[in-house]
């Protein structure tokens, strides 16, 4: 399975992101009410790009693909950037900068 398909598939196994995806696909009081207050307050930062869940840090920021709460999948994303021909085995900070341009997940630098 390619990385994109793995990410999309993993949203279904992530309680928080599955709820956000459900709301974005079928906005209603019910799907919105199923989200935590914090998530409801930030729901305007999320959108779907096809099946990929994306997040904007702020309104001027480019959208980033949300990395599901799956340590193995997040490690694969980081590995893809670290070992890519463009990455040329970047160090920790440069790898983080490269990943964070395209992806988002809470506490990603510490993870």
N, C-alpha and C. Protein backbone atom coordinates (compact mmCIF):
# COMPACT_ATOMS: atom_id res chain seq x y z
N UNK A 1 0.86 -1.18 0.00
CA UNK A 1 0.00 0.00 0.00
C UNK A 1 0.90 1.24 0.00
N UNK A 2 0.55 2.22 -0.83
CA UNK A 2 1.39 3.42 -0.84
C UNK A 2 1.09 4.29 0.38
N UNK A 3 1.97 5.24 0.63
CA UNK A 3 1.90 6.05 1.84
C UNK A 3 0.57 6.80 1.94
N UNK A 4 0.13 7.38 0.86
CA UNK A 4 -1.14 8.13 0.87
C UNK A 4 -2.29 7.23 1.31
N UNK A 5 -2.38 6.03 0.73
CA UNK A 5 -3.45 5.10 1.08
C UNK A 5 -3.36 4.66 2.54
N UNK A 6 -2.14 4.47 3.03
CA UNK A 6 -1.96 4.10 4.44
C UNK A 6 -2.46 5.20 5.37
N UNK A 7 -2.15 6.44 5.02
CA UNK A 7 -2.58 7.58 5.83
C UNK A 7 -4.11 7.64 5.86
N UNK A 8 -4.73 7.57 4.69
CA UNK A 8 -6.19 7.64 4.61
C UNK A 8 -6.82 6.50 5.39
N UNK A 9 -6.28 5.30 5.25
CA UNK A 9 -6.81 4.13 5.96
C UNK A 9 -6.68 4.29 7.48
N UNK A 10 -5.58 4.89 7.92
CA UNK A 10 -5.33 5.03 9.36
C UNK A 10 -6.27 6.02 10.03
N UNK A 11 -6.85 6.96 9.28
CA UNK A 11 -7.80 7.89 9.90
C UNK A 11 -8.97 7.14 10.54
N UNK A 12 -9.40 6.05 9.92
CA UNK A 12 -10.55 5.28 10.44
C UNK A 12 -10.25 4.67 11.81
N UNK A 13 -8.96 4.41 12.10
CA UNK A 13 -8.56 3.81 13.37
C UNK A 13 -8.20 4.84 14.43
N UNK A 14 -8.30 6.11 14.09
CA UNK A 14 -7.94 7.20 15.00
C UNK A 14 -9.23 7.90 15.43
N UNK A 15 -9.61 7.75 16.68
CA UNK A 15 -10.90 8.27 17.15
C UNK A 15 -11.08 9.76 16.87
N UNK A 16 -10.05 10.55 17.11
CA UNK A 16 -10.16 12.00 16.90
C UNK A 16 -10.31 12.31 15.42
N UNK A 17 -9.39 11.80 14.60
CA UNK A 17 -9.41 12.15 13.19
C UNK A 17 -10.57 11.50 12.44
N UNK A 18 -11.02 10.33 12.88
CA UNK A 18 -12.20 9.71 12.26
C UNK A 18 -13.42 10.61 12.47
N UNK A 19 -13.53 11.21 13.64
CA UNK A 19 -14.64 12.12 13.92
C UNK A 19 -14.57 13.38 13.08
N UNK A 20 -13.37 13.91 12.89
CA UNK A 20 -13.21 15.11 12.07
C UNK A 20 -13.56 14.80 10.63
N UNK A 21 -13.06 13.68 10.11
CA UNK A 21 -13.37 13.28 8.74
C UNK A 21 -14.87 13.08 8.57
N UNK A 22 -15.51 12.44 9.54
CA UNK A 22 -16.97 12.23 9.47
C UNK A 22 -17.70 13.57 9.39
N UNK A 23 -17.28 14.53 10.21
CA UNK A 23 -17.92 15.85 10.18
C UNK A 23 -17.70 16.54 8.83
N UNK A 24 -16.48 16.50 8.32
CA UNK A 24 -16.19 17.19 7.06
C UNK A 24 -16.91 16.56 5.88
N UNK A 25 -17.13 15.25 5.94
CA UNK A 25 -17.86 14.57 4.86
C UNK A 25 -19.37 14.82 4.94
N UNK A 26 -19.88 14.95 6.16
CA UNK A 26 -21.32 15.13 6.35
C UNK A 26 -21.56 16.05 7.54
N UNK A 27 -21.35 17.37 7.33
CA UNK A 27 -21.50 18.31 8.44
C UNK A 27 -22.93 18.31 8.98
N UNK A 28 -23.04 18.14 10.28
CA UNK A 28 -24.35 18.18 10.94
C UNK A 28 -24.11 18.50 12.40
N UNK A 29 -25.17 18.85 13.09
CA UNK A 29 -25.05 19.08 14.53
C UNK A 29 -24.59 17.81 15.24
N UNK A 30 -25.04 16.66 14.73
CA UNK A 30 -24.66 15.38 15.35
C UNK A 30 -23.17 15.09 15.19
N UNK A 31 -22.64 15.23 13.96
CA UNK A 31 -21.21 14.94 13.77
C UNK A 31 -20.34 15.99 14.45
N UNK A 32 -20.81 17.23 14.48
CA UNK A 32 -20.06 18.27 15.18
C UNK A 32 -20.09 18.03 16.69
N UNK A 33 -21.24 17.65 17.21
CA UNK A 33 -21.38 17.40 18.64
C UNK A 33 -20.56 16.22 19.14
N UNK A 34 -20.20 15.31 18.24
CA UNK A 34 -19.39 14.14 18.62
C UNK A 34 -17.93 14.52 18.85
N UNK A 35 -17.54 15.71 18.42
CA UNK A 35 -16.15 16.16 18.57
C UNK A 35 -15.94 16.81 19.93
N UNK A 36 -14.71 16.78 20.41
CA UNK A 36 -14.39 17.46 21.66
C UNK A 36 -14.54 18.97 21.48
N UNK A 37 -14.69 19.68 22.56
CA UNK A 37 -14.82 21.14 22.50
C UNK A 37 -13.59 21.75 21.82
N UNK A 38 -12.41 21.29 22.18
CA UNK A 38 -11.19 21.81 21.58
C UNK A 38 -11.19 21.60 20.06
N UNK A 39 -11.59 20.41 19.63
CA UNK A 39 -11.63 20.12 18.19
C UNK A 39 -12.69 20.97 17.51
N UNK A 40 -13.86 21.12 18.13
CA UNK A 40 -14.91 21.98 17.54
C UNK A 40 -14.40 23.40 17.37
N UNK A 41 -13.63 23.89 18.34
CA UNK A 41 -13.10 25.25 18.25
C UNK A 41 -12.09 25.42 17.13
N UNK A 42 -11.50 24.32 16.69
CA UNK A 42 -10.49 24.38 15.63
C UNK A 42 -10.95 23.77 14.31
N UNK A 43 -12.21 23.38 14.22
CA UNK A 43 -12.68 22.63 13.05
C UNK A 43 -12.50 23.41 11.75
N UNK A 44 -12.51 24.75 11.80
CA UNK A 44 -12.33 25.53 10.58
C UNK A 44 -10.90 25.44 10.04
N UNK A 45 -10.00 24.88 10.80
CA UNK A 45 -8.62 24.70 10.33
C UNK A 45 -8.44 23.42 9.52
N UNK A 46 -9.45 22.56 9.55
CA UNK A 46 -9.38 21.27 8.85
C UNK A 46 -10.19 21.31 7.56
N UNK A 47 -9.72 20.56 6.57
CA UNK A 47 -10.49 20.33 5.35
C UNK A 47 -10.00 19.03 4.72
N UNK A 48 -10.79 18.51 3.80
CA UNK A 48 -10.39 17.31 3.08
C UNK A 48 -9.86 17.69 1.71
N UNK A 49 -8.76 17.08 1.34
CA UNK A 49 -8.21 17.19 -0.01
C UNK A 49 -8.34 15.79 -0.58
N UNK A 50 -9.44 15.54 -1.27
CA UNK A 50 -9.77 14.16 -1.64
C UNK A 50 -10.10 13.43 -0.36
N UNK A 51 -9.35 12.40 -0.05
CA UNK A 51 -9.55 11.65 1.20
C UNK A 51 -8.55 12.03 2.28
N UNK A 52 -7.59 12.90 1.95
CA UNK A 52 -6.58 13.30 2.93
C UNK A 52 -7.10 14.42 3.82
N UNK A 53 -6.93 14.25 5.11
CA UNK A 53 -7.29 15.30 6.07
C UNK A 53 -6.14 16.29 6.13
N UNK A 54 -6.46 17.56 5.96
CA UNK A 54 -5.44 18.61 5.98
C UNK A 54 -5.75 19.61 7.09
N UNK A 55 -4.71 20.29 7.54
CA UNK A 55 -4.81 21.22 8.67
C UNK A 55 -4.01 22.47 8.34
N UNK A 56 -4.58 23.63 8.67
CA UNK A 56 -3.86 24.89 8.55
C UNK A 56 -3.52 25.38 9.94
N UNK A 57 -2.23 25.63 10.19
CA UNK A 57 -1.79 26.14 11.49
C UNK A 57 -2.44 27.50 11.74
N UNK A 58 -2.47 28.35 10.70
CA UNK A 58 -3.19 29.62 10.76
C UNK A 58 -3.73 29.92 9.37
N UNK A 59 -4.49 31.01 9.24
CA UNK A 59 -5.16 31.27 7.96
C UNK A 59 -4.21 31.62 6.83
N UNK A 60 -2.99 31.99 7.15
CA UNK A 60 -2.02 32.34 6.12
C UNK A 60 -1.08 31.19 5.77
N UNK A 61 -1.21 30.10 6.50
CA UNK A 61 -0.32 28.96 6.35
C UNK A 61 -0.83 28.01 5.27
N UNK A 62 0.10 27.39 4.56
CA UNK A 62 -0.27 26.36 3.59
C UNK A 62 -0.82 25.15 4.34
N UNK A 63 -1.82 24.48 3.77
CA UNK A 63 -2.36 23.29 4.45
C UNK A 63 -1.34 22.17 4.51
N UNK A 64 -1.42 21.39 5.59
CA UNK A 64 -0.52 20.25 5.80
C UNK A 64 -1.36 19.00 5.99
N UNK A 65 -0.89 17.90 5.48
CA UNK A 65 -1.58 16.62 5.65
C UNK A 65 -1.46 16.21 7.11
N UNK A 66 -2.58 15.80 7.70
CA UNK A 66 -2.59 15.36 9.09
C UNK A 66 -2.06 13.93 9.16
N UNK A 67 -1.05 13.73 9.99
CA UNK A 67 -0.52 12.40 10.24
C UNK A 67 -1.32 11.72 11.33
N UNK A 68 -1.97 10.60 11.03
CA UNK A 68 -2.78 9.91 12.04
C UNK A 68 -1.96 9.51 13.26
N UNK A 69 -2.64 9.23 14.35
CA UNK A 69 -1.98 8.85 15.60
C UNK A 69 -1.55 7.38 15.51
N UNK A 70 -0.54 7.14 14.70
CA UNK A 70 0.00 5.81 14.47
C UNK A 70 1.52 5.95 14.42
N UNK A 71 2.19 5.50 15.47
CA UNK A 71 3.63 5.71 15.58
C UNK A 71 4.40 5.11 14.41
N UNK A 72 4.00 3.93 13.95
CA UNK A 72 4.70 3.30 12.83
C UNK A 72 4.53 4.11 11.55
N UNK A 73 3.33 4.61 11.32
CA UNK A 73 3.08 5.40 10.12
C UNK A 73 3.82 6.73 10.19
N UNK A 74 3.82 7.36 11.34
CA UNK A 74 4.57 8.61 11.49
C UNK A 74 6.06 8.38 11.29
N UNK A 75 6.57 7.27 11.79
CA UNK A 75 7.99 6.94 11.58
C UNK A 75 8.27 6.74 10.10
N UNK A 76 7.34 6.12 9.38
CA UNK A 76 7.53 5.92 7.94
C UNK A 76 7.57 7.27 7.21
N UNK A 77 6.69 8.18 7.60
CA UNK A 77 6.68 9.51 6.98
C UNK A 77 8.03 10.18 7.19
N UNK A 78 8.52 10.16 8.42
CA UNK A 78 9.81 10.78 8.73
C UNK A 78 10.93 10.09 7.95
N UNK A 79 10.89 8.76 7.90
CA UNK A 79 11.90 7.99 7.17
C UNK A 79 11.90 8.35 5.69
N UNK A 80 10.71 8.51 5.11
CA UNK A 80 10.61 8.86 3.69
C UNK A 80 11.31 10.20 3.42
N UNK A 81 11.14 11.16 4.31
CA UNK A 81 11.80 12.45 4.13
C UNK A 81 13.30 12.35 4.40
N UNK A 82 13.67 11.62 5.43
CA UNK A 82 15.08 11.51 5.82
C UNK A 82 15.90 10.82 4.75
N UNK A 83 15.34 9.78 4.15
CA UNK A 83 16.09 8.97 3.19
C UNK A 83 15.76 9.26 1.74
N UNK A 84 14.98 10.29 1.48
CA UNK A 84 14.63 10.60 0.10
C UNK A 84 15.85 11.15 -0.63
N UNK A 85 15.89 11.01 -1.97
CA UNK A 85 17.02 11.57 -2.73
C UNK A 85 17.18 13.07 -2.48
N UNK A 86 16.06 13.78 -2.29
CA UNK A 86 16.13 15.21 -2.01
C UNK A 86 16.61 15.45 -0.59
N UNK A 87 16.29 14.51 0.31
CA UNK A 87 16.64 14.67 1.72
C UNK A 87 18.10 14.42 1.99
N UNK A 88 18.69 13.51 1.25
CA UNK A 88 20.12 13.20 1.39
C UNK A 88 20.53 12.98 2.85
N UNK A 89 19.75 12.18 3.57
CA UNK A 89 20.04 11.85 4.97
C UNK A 89 20.21 13.12 5.82
N UNK A 90 19.16 13.91 5.85
CA UNK A 90 19.18 15.15 6.63
C UNK A 90 19.31 14.85 8.11
N UNK A 91 19.82 15.81 8.86
CA UNK A 91 19.87 15.70 10.31
C UNK A 91 18.48 15.90 10.89
N UNK A 92 18.37 15.80 12.22
CA UNK A 92 17.07 15.88 12.90
C UNK A 92 16.32 17.17 12.59
N UNK A 93 16.97 18.31 12.74
CA UNK A 93 16.28 19.59 12.55
C UNK A 93 15.85 19.80 11.10
N UNK A 94 16.71 19.46 10.16
CA UNK A 94 16.35 19.64 8.74
C UNK A 94 15.28 18.65 8.32
N UNK A 95 15.34 17.43 8.86
CA UNK A 95 14.29 16.46 8.56
C UNK A 95 12.96 16.96 9.11
N UNK A 96 12.96 17.44 10.36
CA UNK A 96 11.74 17.98 10.96
C UNK A 96 11.20 19.14 10.12
N UNK A 97 12.06 20.04 9.68
CA UNK A 97 11.62 21.18 8.88
C UNK A 97 10.98 20.70 7.57
N UNK A 98 11.59 19.70 6.94
CA UNK A 98 11.05 19.17 5.69
C UNK A 98 9.70 18.50 5.91
N UNK A 99 9.59 17.67 6.94
CA UNK A 99 8.34 16.97 7.23
C UNK A 99 7.25 17.98 7.61
N UNK A 100 7.58 18.95 8.44
CA UNK A 100 6.57 19.88 8.93
C UNK A 100 6.07 20.86 7.87
N UNK A 101 6.74 20.95 6.74
CA UNK A 101 6.22 21.76 5.63
C UNK A 101 5.00 21.09 4.99
N UNK A 102 4.98 19.75 5.02
CA UNK A 102 3.91 19.01 4.34
C UNK A 102 2.95 18.28 5.27
N UNK A 103 3.38 18.03 6.52
CA UNK A 103 2.58 17.23 7.45
C UNK A 103 2.39 17.95 8.77
N UNK A 104 1.34 17.53 9.48
CA UNK A 104 1.07 18.05 10.81
C UNK A 104 0.58 16.91 11.70
N UNK A 105 1.08 16.89 12.92
CA UNK A 105 0.47 16.13 14.00
C UNK A 105 0.93 16.77 15.29
N UNK A 106 0.11 16.69 16.34
CA UNK A 106 0.48 17.33 17.60
C UNK A 106 1.81 16.80 18.14
N UNK A 107 2.62 17.68 18.64
CA UNK A 107 3.91 17.34 19.26
C UNK A 107 4.84 16.59 18.32
N UNK A 108 4.80 16.90 17.04
CA UNK A 108 5.57 16.12 16.07
C UNK A 108 7.08 16.21 16.30
N UNK A 109 7.58 17.31 16.79
CA UNK A 109 9.02 17.41 16.99
C UNK A 109 9.49 16.51 18.14
N UNK A 110 8.64 16.33 19.13
CA UNK A 110 9.00 15.49 20.28
C UNK A 110 8.76 14.02 20.02
N UNK A 111 7.91 13.72 19.03
CA UNK A 111 7.51 12.35 18.79
C UNK A 111 8.56 11.54 18.17
